[in-house]
Amino acid sequence: MKKSNRRIENTAMYKAILALKTEEECRKFMEDLCSITEIMAMEQRFEVAKLLNEGLIYNAIMDQTGASSAIISRVNRSLQYGAGGYGIVFDRLKEAEESAGEEKE
């Protein structure tokens, strides 16, 4: 039996995340939901994903983030063969950055 088949999907948490409106609300929710160690691990993985997406090599990412090569490799697999979540987020962040730049002009 595949791992994903054993897991019962609970959409309530994802709906709760979508209900958050500010970065501060998100931070508070994550602090209540996760341990500090879990938050730090997710932040590190996200930073690794950003750097991989920017084209940095493993050694530079290890130096910059302190992530192990195993973590970098795992994140890289997600970027290459995952569900596409990182790509969605990176595209949306880029759009928001571009919109913010246009509003300043």
PDB file of N, CA and C in Angstrom:
ATOM      1  N   MET A   1       0.838  -1.179   0.000  1.00  0.00           N
ATOM      2  CA  MET A   1       0.000   0.000   0.000  1.00  0.00           C
ATOM      3  C   MET A   1       0.886   1.246   0.000  1.00  0.00           C
ATOM      4  N   LYS A   2       0.603   2.147  -0.903  1.00  0.00           N
ATOM      5  CA  LYS A   2       1.381   3.368  -0.989  1.00  0.00           C
ATOM      6  C   LYS A   2       1.120   4.261   0.220  1.00  0.00           C
ATOM      7  N   LYS A   3       2.129   4.992   0.612  1.00  0.00           N
ATOM      8  CA  LYS A   3       2.031   5.885   1.761  1.00  0.00           C
ATOM      9  C   LYS A   3       0.861   6.858   1.600  1.00  0.00           C
ATOM     10  N   SER A   4       0.714   7.437   0.409  1.00  0.00           N
ATOM     11  CA  SER A   4      -0.345   8.424   0.197  1.00  0.00           C
ATOM     12  C   SER A   4      -1.731   7.806   0.316  1.00  0.00           C
ATOM     13  N   ASN A   5      -1.874   6.509   0.048  1.00  0.00           N
ATOM     14  CA  ASN A   5      -3.166   5.845   0.161  1.00  0.00           C
ATOM     15  C   ASN A   5      -3.553   5.605   1.612  1.00  0.00           C
ATOM     16  N   ARG A   6      -2.591   5.508   2.503  1.00  0.00           N
ATOM     17  CA  ARG A   6      -2.866   5.261   3.916  1.00  0.00           C
ATOM     18  C   ARG A   6      -3.266   6.525   4.648  1.00  0.00           C
ATOM     19  N   ARG A   7      -2.927   7.670   4.116  1.00  0.00           N
ATOM     20  CA  ARG A   7      -3.158   8.941   4.784  1.00  0.00           C
ATOM     21  C   ARG A   7      -4.567   9.447   4.473  1.00  0.00           C
ATOM     22  N   ILE A   8      -5.295   9.788   5.508  1.00  0.00           N
ATOM     23  CA  ILE A   8      -6.609  10.389   5.328  1.00  0.00           C
ATOM     24  C   ILE A   8      -6.401  11.889   5.164  1.00  0.00           C
ATOM     25  N   GLU A   9      -6.872  12.428   4.063  1.00  0.00           N
ATOM     26  CA  GLU A   9      -6.664  13.846   3.796  1.00  0.00           C
ATOM     27  C   GLU A   9      -7.576  14.686   4.672  1.00  0.00           C
ATOM     28  N   ASN A  10      -6.981  15.642   5.343  1.00  0.00           N
ATOM     29  CA  ASN A  10      -7.718  16.551   6.194  1.00  0.00           C
ATOM     30  C   ASN A  10      -7.599  17.937   5.575  1.00  0.00           C
ATOM     31  N   THR A  11      -8.635  18.386   4.913  1.00  0.00           N
ATOM     32  CA  THR A  11      -8.575  19.673   4.215  1.00  0.00           C
ATOM     33  C   THR A  11      -8.749  20.861   5.148  1.00  0.00           C
ATOM     34  N   ALA A  12      -9.191  20.622   6.377  1.00  0.00           N
ATOM     35  CA  ALA A  12      -9.450  21.733   7.298  1.00  0.00           C
ATOM     36  C   ALA A  12      -8.203  22.575   7.540  1.00  0.00           C
ATOM     37  N   MET A  13      -7.036  21.937   7.687  1.00  0.00           N
ATOM     38  CA  MET A  13      -5.821  22.696   7.942  1.00  0.00           C
ATOM     39  C   MET A  13      -5.472  23.584   6.746  1.00  0.00           C
ATOM     40  N   TYR A  14      -5.633  23.070   5.543  1.00  0.00           N
ATOM     41  CA  TYR A  14      -5.300  23.854   4.354  1.00  0.00           C
ATOM     42  C   TYR A  14      -6.271  25.019   4.193  1.00  0.00           C
ATOM     43  N   LYS A  15      -7.524  24.787   4.511  1.00  0.00           N
ATOM     44  CA  LYS A  15      -8.511  25.872   4.484  1.00  0.00           C
ATOM     45  C   LYS A  15      -8.174  26.919   5.541  1.00  0.00           C
ATOM     46  N   ALA A  16      -7.706  26.475   6.699  1.00  0.00           N
ATOM     47  CA  ALA A  16      -7.315  27.404   7.758  1.00  0.00           C
ATOM     48  C   ALA A  16      -6.160  28.287   7.290  1.00  0.00           C
ATOM     49  N   ILE A  17      -5.187  27.702   6.623  1.00  0.00           N
ATOM     50  CA  ILE A  17      -4.051  28.474   6.110  1.00  0.00           C
ATOM     51  C   ILE A  17      -4.531  29.511   5.105  1.00  0.00           C
ATOM     52  N   LEU A  18      -5.441  29.106   4.239  1.00  0.00           N
ATOM     53  CA  LEU A  18      -5.964  30.042   3.243  1.00  0.00           C
ATOM     54  C   LEU A  18      -6.787  31.168   3.865  1.00  0.00           C
ATOM     55  N   ALA A  19      -7.314  30.955   5.070  1.00  0.00           N
ATOM     56  CA  ALA A  19      -8.098  31.977   5.755  1.00  0.00           C
ATOM     57  C   ALA A  19      -7.222  33.072   6.367  1.00  0.00           C
ATOM     58  N   LEU A  20      -5.932  32.817   6.514  1.00  0.00           N
ATOM     59  CA  LEU A  20      -5.022  33.806   7.100  1.00  0.00           C
ATOM     60  C   LEU A  20      -4.822  34.956   6.126  1.00  0.00           C
ATOM     61  N   LYS A  21      -4.732  36.167   6.667  1.00  0.00           N
ATOM     62  CA  LYS A  21      -4.674  37.337   5.793  1.00  0.00           C
ATOM     63  C   LYS A  21      -3.341  38.067   5.796  1.00  0.00           C
ATOM     64  N   THR A  22      -2.559  37.902   6.852  1.00  0.00           N
ATOM     65  CA  THR A  22      -1.301  38.638   6.937  1.00  0.00           C
ATOM     66  C   THR A  22      -0.154  37.698   7.285  1.00  0.00           C
ATOM     67  N   GLU A  23       1.048  38.187   7.047  1.00  0.00           N
ATOM     68  CA  GLU A  23       2.233  37.420   7.419  1.00  0.00           C
ATOM     69  C   GLU A  23       2.254  37.166   8.923  1.00  0.00           C
ATOM     70  N   GLU A  24       1.849  38.163   9.704  1.00  0.00           N
ATOM     71  CA  GLU A  24       1.829  38.012  11.162  1.00  0.00           C
ATOM     72  C   GLU A  24       0.829  36.940  11.592  1.00  0.00           C
ATOM     73  N   GLU A  25      -0.348  36.898  10.967  1.00  0.00           N
ATOM     74  CA  GLU A  25      -1.325  35.851  11.271  1.00  0.00           C
ATOM     75  C   GLU A  25      -0.759  34.476  10.948  1.00  0.00           C
ATOM     76  N   CYS A  26      -0.087  34.383   9.826  1.00  0.00           N
ATOM     77  CA  CYS A  26       0.517  33.111   9.408  1.00  0.00           C
ATOM     78  C   CYS A  26       1.590  32.687  10.399  1.00  0.00           C
ATOM     79  N   ARG A  27       2.411  33.619  10.817  1.00  0.00           N
ATOM     80  CA  ARG A  27       3.485  33.325  11.778  1.00  0.00           C
ATOM     81  C   ARG A  27       2.893  32.810  13.091  1.00  0.00           C
ATOM     82  N   LYS A  28       1.846  33.472  13.580  1.00  0.00           N
ATOM     83  CA  LYS A  28       1.204  33.052  14.829  1.00  0.00           C
ATOM     84  C   LYS A  28       0.612  31.646  14.697  1.00  0.00           C
ATOM     85  N   PHE A  29      -0.053  31.384  13.587  1.00  0.00           N
ATOM     86  CA  PHE A  29      -0.654  30.072  13.371  1.00  0.00           C
ATOM     87  C   PHE A  29       0.421  28.986  13.330  1.00  0.00           C
ATOM     88  N   MET A  30       1.500  29.249  12.607  1.00  0.00           N
ATOM     89  CA  MET A  30       2.576  28.264  12.502  1.00  0.00           C
ATOM     90  C   MET A  30       3.218  28.025  13.869  1.00  0.00           C
ATOM     91  N   GLU A  31       3.365  29.073  14.676  1.00  0.00           N
ATOM     92  CA  GLU A  31       3.944  28.912  16.016  1.00  0.00           C
ATOM     93  C   GLU A  31       3.049  28.061  16.908  1.00  0.00           C
ATOM     94  N   ASP A  32       1.744  28.179  16.726  1.00  0.00           N
ATOM     95  CA  ASP A  32       0.815  27.353  17.497  1.00  0.00           C
ATOM     96  C   ASP A  32       0.774  25.923  16.979  1.00  0.00           C
ATOM     97  N   LEU A  33       0.893  25.748  15.681  1.00  0.00           N
ATOM     98  CA  LEU A  33       0.756  24.451  15.040  1.00  0.00           C
ATOM     99  C   LEU A  33       2.018  23.600  15.139  1.00  0.00           C
ATOM    100  N   CYS A  34       3.170  24.227  15.019  1.00  0.00           N
ATOM    101  CA  CYS A  34       4.442  23.498  14.896  1.00  0.00           C
ATOM    102  C   CYS A  34       5.387  23.833  16.038  1.00  0.00           C
ATOM    103  N   SER A  35       6.335  22.934  16.254  1.00  0.00           N
ATOM    104  CA  SER A  35       7.412  23.224  17.198  1.00  0.00           C
ATOM    105  C   SER A  35       8.403  24.175  16.524  1.00  0.00           C
ATOM    106  N   ILE A  36       9.226  24.814  17.332  1.00  0.00           N
ATOM    107  CA  ILE A  36      10.258  25.703  16.788  1.00  0.00           C
ATOM    108  C   ILE A  36      11.165  24.926  15.832  1.00  0.00           C
ATOM    109  N   THR A  37      11.502  23.695  16.190  1.00  0.00           N
ATOM    110  CA  THR A  37      12.361  22.860  15.344  1.00  0.00           C
ATOM    111  C   THR A  37      11.701  22.595  13.995  1.00  0.00           C
ATOM    112  N   GLU A  38      10.408  22.310  14.004  1.00  0.00           N
ATOM    113  CA  GLU A  38       9.689  22.066  12.746  1.00  0.00           C
ATOM    114  C   GLU A  38       9.644  23.316  11.881  1.00  0.00           C
ATOM    115  N   ILE A  39       9.389  24.456  12.499  1.00  0.00           N
ATOM    116  CA  ILE A  39       9.354  25.718  11.754  1.00  0.00           C
ATOM    117  C   ILE A  39      10.720  26.015  11.146  1.00  0.00           C
ATOM    118  N   MET A  40      11.767  25.833  11.940  1.00  0.00           N
ATOM    119  CA  MET A  40      13.121  26.083  11.435  1.00  0.00           C
ATOM    120  C   MET A  40      13.454  25.147  10.276  1.00  0.00           C
ATOM    121  N   ALA A  41      13.038  23.898  10.355  1.00  0.00           N
ATOM    122  CA  ALA A  41      13.295  22.943   9.271  1.00  0.00           C
ATOM    123  C   ALA A  41      12.549  23.358   8.012  1.00  0.00           C
ATOM    124  N   MET A  42      11.299  23.788   8.146  1.00  0.00           N
ATOM    125  CA  MET A  42      10.529  24.227   6.971  1.00  0.00           C
ATOM    126  C   MET A  42      11.121  25.495   6.373  1.00  0.00           C
ATOM    127  N   GLU A  43      11.535  26.433   7.231  1.00  0.00           N
ATOM    128  CA  GLU A  43      12.163  27.656   6.732  1.00  0.00           C
ATOM    129  C   GLU A  43      13.443  27.336   5.974  1.00  0.00           C
ATOM    130  N   GLN A  44      14.245  26.398   6.508  1.00  0.00           N
ATOM    131  CA  GLN A  44      15.484  26.020   5.845  1.00  0.00           C
ATOM    132  C   GLN A  44      15.196  25.368   4.492  1.00  0.00           C
ATOM    133  N   ARG A  45      14.221  24.454   4.446  1.00  0.00           N
ATOM    134  CA  ARG A  45      13.885  23.803   3.183  1.00  0.00           C
ATOM    135  C   ARG A  45      13.395  24.810   2.149  1.00  0.00           C
ATOM    136  N   PHE A  46      12.601  25.777   2.598  1.00  0.00           N
ATOM    137  CA  PHE A  46      12.117  26.793   1.666  1.00  0.00           C
ATOM    138  C   PHE A  46      13.271  27.644   1.139  1.00  0.00           C
ATOM    139  N   GLU A  47      14.196  28.015   2.020  1.00  0.00           N
ATOM    140  CA  GLU A  47      15.369  28.788   1.584  1.00  0.00           C
ATOM    141  C   GLU A  47      16.204  27.981   0.594  1.00  0.00           C
ATOM    142  N   VAL A  48      16.381  26.706   0.868  1.00  0.00           N
ATOM    143  CA  VAL A  48      17.110  25.826  -0.061  1.00  0.00           C
ATOM    144  C   VAL A  48      16.399  25.791  -1.405  1.00  0.00           C
ATOM    145  N   ALA A  49      15.090  25.664  -1.399  1.00  0.00           N
ATOM    146  CA  ALA A  49      14.326  25.629  -2.650  1.00  0.00           C
ATOM    147  C   ALA A  49      14.500  26.927  -3.434  1.00  0.00           C
ATOM    148  N   LYS A  50      14.457  28.075  -2.739  1.00  0.00           N
ATOM    149  CA  LYS A  50      14.660  29.360  -3.416  1.00  0.00           C
ATOM    150  C   LYS A  50      16.026  29.414  -4.071  1.00  0.00           C
ATOM    151  N   LEU A  51      17.048  28.984  -3.341  1.00  0.00           N
ATOM    152  CA  LEU A  51      18.409  29.051  -3.867  1.00  0.00           C
ATOM    153  C   LEU A  51      18.608  28.082  -5.029  1.00  0.00           C
ATOM    154  N   LEU A  52      18.045  26.887  -4.926  1.00  0.00           N
ATOM    155  CA  LEU A  52      18.111  25.949  -6.050  1.00  0.00           C
ATOM    156  C   LEU A  52      17.398  26.534  -7.259  1.00  0.00           C
ATOM    157  N   ASN A  53      16.266  27.142  -7.033  1.00  0.00           N
ATOM    158  CA  ASN A  53      15.493  27.752  -8.107  1.00  0.00           C
ATOM    159  C   ASN A  53      16.272  28.887  -8.777  1.00  0.00           C
ATOM    160  N   GLU A  54      17.123  29.543  -8.001  1.00  0.00           N
ATOM    161  CA  GLU A  54      17.965  30.624  -8.534  1.00  0.00           C
ATOM    162  C   GLU A  54      19.212  30.083  -9.235  1.00  0.00           C
ATOM    163  N   GLY A  55      19.426  28.763  -9.164  1.00  0.00           N
ATOM    164  CA  GLY A  55      20.540  28.156  -9.872  1.00  0.00           C
ATOM    165  C   GLY A  55      21.808  27.950  -9.069  1.00  0.00           C
ATOM    166  N   LEU A  56      21.761  28.168  -7.759  1.00  0.00           N
ATOM    167  CA  LEU A  56      22.959  27.953  -6.952  1.00  0.00           C
ATOM    168  C   LEU A  56      23.301  26.471  -6.872  1.00  0.00           C
ATOM    169  N   ILE A  57      24.575  26.178  -6.678  1.00  0.00           N
ATOM    170  CA  ILE A  57      25.038  24.797  -6.559  1.00  0.00           C
ATOM    171  C   ILE A  57      24.993  24.357  -5.103  1.00  0.00           C
ATOM    172  N   TYR A  58      25.031  23.034  -4.911  1.00  0.00           N
ATOM    173  CA  TYR A  58      24.895  22.457  -3.575  1.00  0.00           C
ATOM    174  C   TYR A  58      25.873  23.051  -2.572  1.00  0.00           C
ATOM    175  N   ASN A  59      27.141  23.160  -2.931  1.00  0.00           N
ATOM    176  CA  ASN A  59      28.150  23.655  -1.976  1.00  0.00           C
ATOM    177  C   ASN A  59      27.835  25.073  -1.516  1.00  0.00           C
ATOM    178  N   ALA A  60      27.411  25.914  -2.430  1.00  0.00           N
ATOM    179  CA  ALA A  60      27.063  27.293  -2.064  1.00  0.00           C
ATOM    180  C   ALA A  60      25.842  27.310  -1.145  1.00  0.00           C
ATOM    181  N   ILE A  61      24.879  26.443  -1.422  1.00  0.00           N
ATOM    182  CA  ILE A  61      23.670  26.372  -0.597  1.00  0.00           C
ATOM    183  C   ILE A  61      24.010  25.842   0.792  1.00  0.00           C
ATOM    184  N   MET A  62      24.877  24.840   0.851  1.00  0.00           N
ATOM    185  CA  MET A  62      25.306  24.311   2.151  1.00  0.00           C
ATOM    186  C   MET A  62      25.966  25.406   2.974  1.00  0.00           C
ATOM    187  N   ASP A  63      26.856  26.188   2.338  1.00  0.00           N
ATOM    188  CA  ASP A  63      27.543  27.270   3.041  1.00  0.00           C
ATOM    189  C   ASP A  63      26.572  28.348   3.505  1.00  0.00           C
ATOM    190  N   GLN A  64      25.597  28.684   2.669  1.00  0.00           N
ATOM    191  CA  GLN A  64      24.679  29.777   2.953  1.00  0.00           C
ATOM    192  C   GLN A  64      23.606  29.403   3.973  1.00  0.00           C
ATOM    193  N   THR A  65      23.154  28.143   3.955  1.00  0.00           N
ATOM    194  CA  THR A  65      22.009  27.763   4.788  1.00  0.00           C
ATOM    195  C   THR A  65      22.350  26.814   5.931  1.00  0.00           C
ATOM    196  N   GLY A  66      23.471  26.134   5.836  1.00  0.00           N
ATOM    197  CA  GLY A  66      23.807  25.107   6.819  1.00  0.00           C
ATOM    198  C   GLY A  66      23.076  23.796   6.580  1.00  0.00           C
ATOM    199  N   ALA A  67      22.326  23.709   5.484  1.00  0.00           N
ATOM    200  CA  ALA A  67      21.593  22.487   5.161  1.00  0.00           C
ATOM    201  C   ALA A  67      22.564  21.406   4.711  1.00  0.00           C
ATOM    202  N   SER A  68      22.225  20.170   5.039  1.00  0.00           N
ATOM    203  CA  SER A  68      23.047  19.042   4.606  1.00  0.00           C
ATOM    204  C   SER A  68      22.791  18.754   3.128  1.00  0.00           C
ATOM    205  N   SER A  69      23.697  18.005   2.510  1.00  0.00           N
ATOM    206  CA  SER A  69      23.500  17.637   1.113  1.00  0.00           C
ATOM    207  C   SER A  69      22.258  16.757   0.956  1.00  0.00           C
ATOM    208  N   ALA A  70      21.919  15.980   1.992  1.00  0.00           N
ATOM    209  CA  ALA A  70      20.711  15.141   1.936  1.00  0.00           C
ATOM    210  C   ALA A  70      19.451  16.002   1.874  1.00  0.00           C
ATOM    211  N   ILE A  71      19.413  17.060   2.666  1.00  0.00           N
ATOM    212  CA  ILE A  71      18.258  17.973   2.655  1.00  0.00           C
ATOM    213  C   ILE A  71      18.175  18.662   1.300  1.00  0.00           C
ATOM    214  N   ILE A  72      19.297  19.141   0.805  1.00  0.00           N
ATOM    215  CA  ILE A  72      19.311  19.833  -0.486  1.00  0.00           C
ATOM    216  C   ILE A  72      18.840  18.887  -1.583  1.00  0.00           C
ATOM    217  N   SER A  73      19.311  17.659  -1.544  1.00  0.00           N
ATOM    218  CA  SER A  73      18.906  16.666  -2.538  1.00  0.00           C
ATOM    219  C   SER A  73      17.407  16.384  -2.455  1.00  0.00           C
ATOM    220  N   ARG A  74      16.879  16.262  -1.251  1.00  0.00           N
ATOM    221  CA  ARG A  74      15.442  16.007  -1.067  1.00  0.00           C
ATOM    222  C   ARG A  74      14.617  17.170  -1.623  1.00  0.00           C
ATOM    223  N   VAL A  75      15.033  18.389  -1.326  1.00  0.00           N
ATOM    224  CA  VAL A  75      14.317  19.563  -1.825  1.00  0.00           C
ATOM    225  C   VAL A  75      14.421  19.621  -3.345  1.00  0.00           C
ATOM    226  N   ASN A  76      15.592  19.307  -3.878  1.00  0.00           N
ATOM    227  CA  ASN A  76      15.780  19.322  -5.321  1.00  0.00           C
ATOM    228  C   ASN A  76      14.850  18.317  -6.004  1.00  0.00           C
ATOM    229  N   ARG A  77      14.698  17.131  -5.406  1.00  0.00           N
ATOM    230  CA  ARG A  77      13.759  16.138  -5.961  1.00  0.00           C
ATOM    231  C   ARG A  77      12.341  16.686  -5.970  1.00  0.00           C
ATOM    232  N   SER A  78      11.967  17.386  -4.914  1.00  0.00           N
ATOM    233  CA  SER A  78      10.630  17.988  -4.864  1.00  0.00           C
ATOM    234  C   SER A  78      10.459  19.046  -5.946  1.00  0.00           C
ATOM    235  N   LEU A  79      11.496  19.838  -6.159  1.00  0.00           N
ATOM    236  CA  LEU A  79      11.435  20.850  -7.214  1.00  0.00           C
ATOM    237  C   LEU A  79      11.288  20.201  -8.591  1.00  0.00           C
ATOM    238  N   GLN A  80      12.022  19.122  -8.807  1.00  0.00           N
ATOM    239  CA  GLN A  80      12.041  18.473 -10.119  1.00  0.00           C
ATOM    240  C   GLN A  80      10.844  17.565 -10.360  1.00  0.00           C
ATOM    241  N   TYR A  81      10.439  16.804  -9.341  1.00  0.00           N
ATOM    242  CA  TYR A  81       9.459  15.742  -9.555  1.00  0.00           C
ATOM    243  C   TYR A  81       8.261  15.814  -8.612  1.00  0.00           C
ATOM    244  N   GLY A  82       8.168  16.874  -7.835  1.00  0.00           N
ATOM    245  CA  GLY A  82       7.101  16.985  -6.842  1.00  0.00           C
ATOM    246  C   GLY A  82       5.774  17.414  -7.447  1.00  0.00           C
ATOM    247  N   ALA A  83       4.900  17.882  -6.599  1.00  0.00           N
ATOM    248  CA  ALA A  83       3.538  18.249  -6.990  1.00  0.00           C
ATOM    249  C   ALA A  83       3.459  19.620  -7.657  1.00  0.00           C
ATOM    250  N   GLY A  84       4.556  20.375  -7.654  1.00  0.00           N
ATOM    251  CA  GLY A  84       4.566  21.692  -8.290  1.00  0.00           C
ATOM    252  C   GLY A  84       4.264  22.850  -7.348  1.00  0.00           C
ATOM    253  N   GLY A  85       4.175  22.556  -6.068  1.00  0.00           N
ATOM    254  CA  GLY A  85       3.861  23.602  -5.096  1.00  0.00           C
ATOM    255  C   GLY A  85       4.896  24.704  -5.016  1.00  0.00           C
ATOM    256  N   TYR A  86       6.167  24.313  -5.043  1.00  0.00           N
ATOM    257  CA  TYR A  86       7.217  25.337  -5.014  1.00  0.00           C
ATOM    258  C   TYR A  86       7.071  26.271  -6.212  1.00  0.00           C
ATOM    259  N   GLY A  87       6.850  25.717  -7.367  1.00  0.00           N
ATOM    260  CA  GLY A  87       6.714  26.534  -8.578  1.00  0.00           C
ATOM    261  C   GLY A  87       5.563  27.521  -8.483  1.00  0.00           C
ATOM    262  N   ILE A  88       4.445  27.063  -7.949  1.00  0.00           N
ATOM    263  CA  ILE A  88       3.289  27.946  -7.771  1.00  0.00           C
ATOM    264  C   ILE A  88       3.660  29.111  -6.869  1.00  0.00           C
ATOM    265  N   VAL A  89       4.294  28.800  -5.747  1.00  0.00           N
ATOM    266  CA  VAL A  89       4.669  29.846  -4.791  1.00  0.00           C
ATOM    267  C   VAL A  89       5.683  30.803  -5.399  1.00  0.00           C
ATOM    268  N   PHE A  90       6.698  30.278  -6.063  1.00  0.00           N
ATOM    269  CA  PHE A  90       7.712  31.152  -6.656  1.00  0.00           C
ATOM    270  C   PHE A  90       7.097  32.062  -7.719  1.00  0.00           C
ATOM    271  N   ASP A  91       6.198  31.522  -8.526  1.00  0.00           N
ATOM    272  CA  ASP A  91       5.531  32.344  -9.547  1.00  0.00           C
ATOM    273  C   ASP A  91       4.704  33.451  -8.902  1.00  0.00           C
ATOM    274  N   ARG A  92       3.961  33.105  -7.860  1.00  0.00           N
ATOM    275  CA  ARG A  92       3.108  34.097  -7.188  1.00  0.00           C
ATOM    276  C   ARG A  92       3.949  35.162  -6.487  1.00  0.00           C
ATOM    277  N   LEU A  93       5.038  34.753  -5.865  1.00  0.00           N
ATOM    278  CA  LEU A  93       5.911  35.731  -5.207  1.00  0.00           C
ATOM    279  C   LEU A  93       6.524  36.679  -6.232  1.00  0.00           C
ATOM    280  N   LYS A  94       6.901  36.142  -7.387  1.00  0.00           N
ATOM    281  CA  LYS A  94       7.463  36.974  -8.456  1.00  0.00           C
ATOM    282  C   LYS A  94       6.415  37.961  -8.966  1.00  0.00           C
ATOM    283  N   GLU A  95       5.182  37.489  -9.159  1.00  0.00           N
ATOM    284  CA  GLU A  95       4.101  38.371  -9.601  1.00  0.00           C
ATOM    285  C   GLU A  95       3.863  39.486  -8.593  1.00  0.00           C
ATOM    286  N   ALA A  96       3.844  39.130  -7.308  1.00  0.00           N
ATOM    287  CA  ALA A  96       3.622  40.128  -6.260  1.00  0.00           C
ATOM    288  C   ALA A  96       4.752  41.144  -6.233  1.00  0.00           C
ATOM    289  N   GLU A  97       5.974  40.675  -6.413  1.00  0.00           N
ATOM    290  CA  GLU A  97       7.137  41.566  -6.424  1.00  0.00           C
ATOM    291  C   GLU A  97       7.062  42.522  -7.608  1.00  0.00           C
ATOM    292  N   GLU A  98       6.678  41.992  -8.770  1.00  0.00           N
ATOM    293  CA  GLU A  98       6.556  42.834  -9.961  1.00  0.00           C
ATOM    294  C   GLU A  98       5.440  43.854  -9.814  1.00  0.00           C
ATOM    295  N   SER A  99       4.315  43.447  -9.220  1.00  0.00           N
ATOM    296  CA  SER A  99       3.200  44.369  -8.982  1.00  0.00           C
ATOM    297  C   SER A  99       3.604  45.466  -8.021  1.00  0.00           C
ATOM    298  N   ALA A 100       4.324  45.109  -6.984  1.00  0.00           N
ATOM    299  CA  ALA A 100       4.787  46.094  -6.019  1.00  0.00           C
ATOM    300  C   ALA A 100       5.732  47.091  -6.679  1.00  0.00           C
ATOM    301  N   GLY A 101       6.579  46.602  -7.575  1.00  0.00           N
ATOM    302  CA  GLY A 101       7.508  47.472  -8.298  1.00  0.00           C
ATOM    303  C   GLY A 101       6.771  48.431  -9.226  1.00  0.00           C
ATOM    304  N   GLU A 102       5.722  47.951  -9.859  1.00  0.00           N
ATOM    305  CA  GLU A 102       4.929  48.809 -10.762  1.00  0.00           C
ATOM    306  C   GLU A 102       4.170  49.863  -9.989  1.00  0.00           C
ATOM    307  N   GLU A 103       3.703  49.532  -8.794  1.00  0.00           N
ATOM    308  CA  GLU A 103       2.954  50.502  -7.984  1.00  0.00           C
ATOM    309  C   GLU A 103       3.847  51.628  -7.517  1.00  0.00           C
ATOM    310  N   LYS A 104       5.143  51.360  -7.323  1.00  0.00           N
ATOM    311  CA  LYS A 104       6.078  52.390  -6.861  1.00  0.00           C
ATOM    312  C   LYS A 104       6.396  53.387  -7.971  1.00  0.00           C
ATOM    313  N   GLU A 105       6.223  52.974  -9.215  1.00  0.00           N
ATOM    314  CA  GLU A 105       6.583  53.846 -10.341  1.00  0.00           C
ATOM    315  C   GLU A 105       5.558  54.889 -10.632  1.00  0.00           C
TER     316      GLU A 105
END
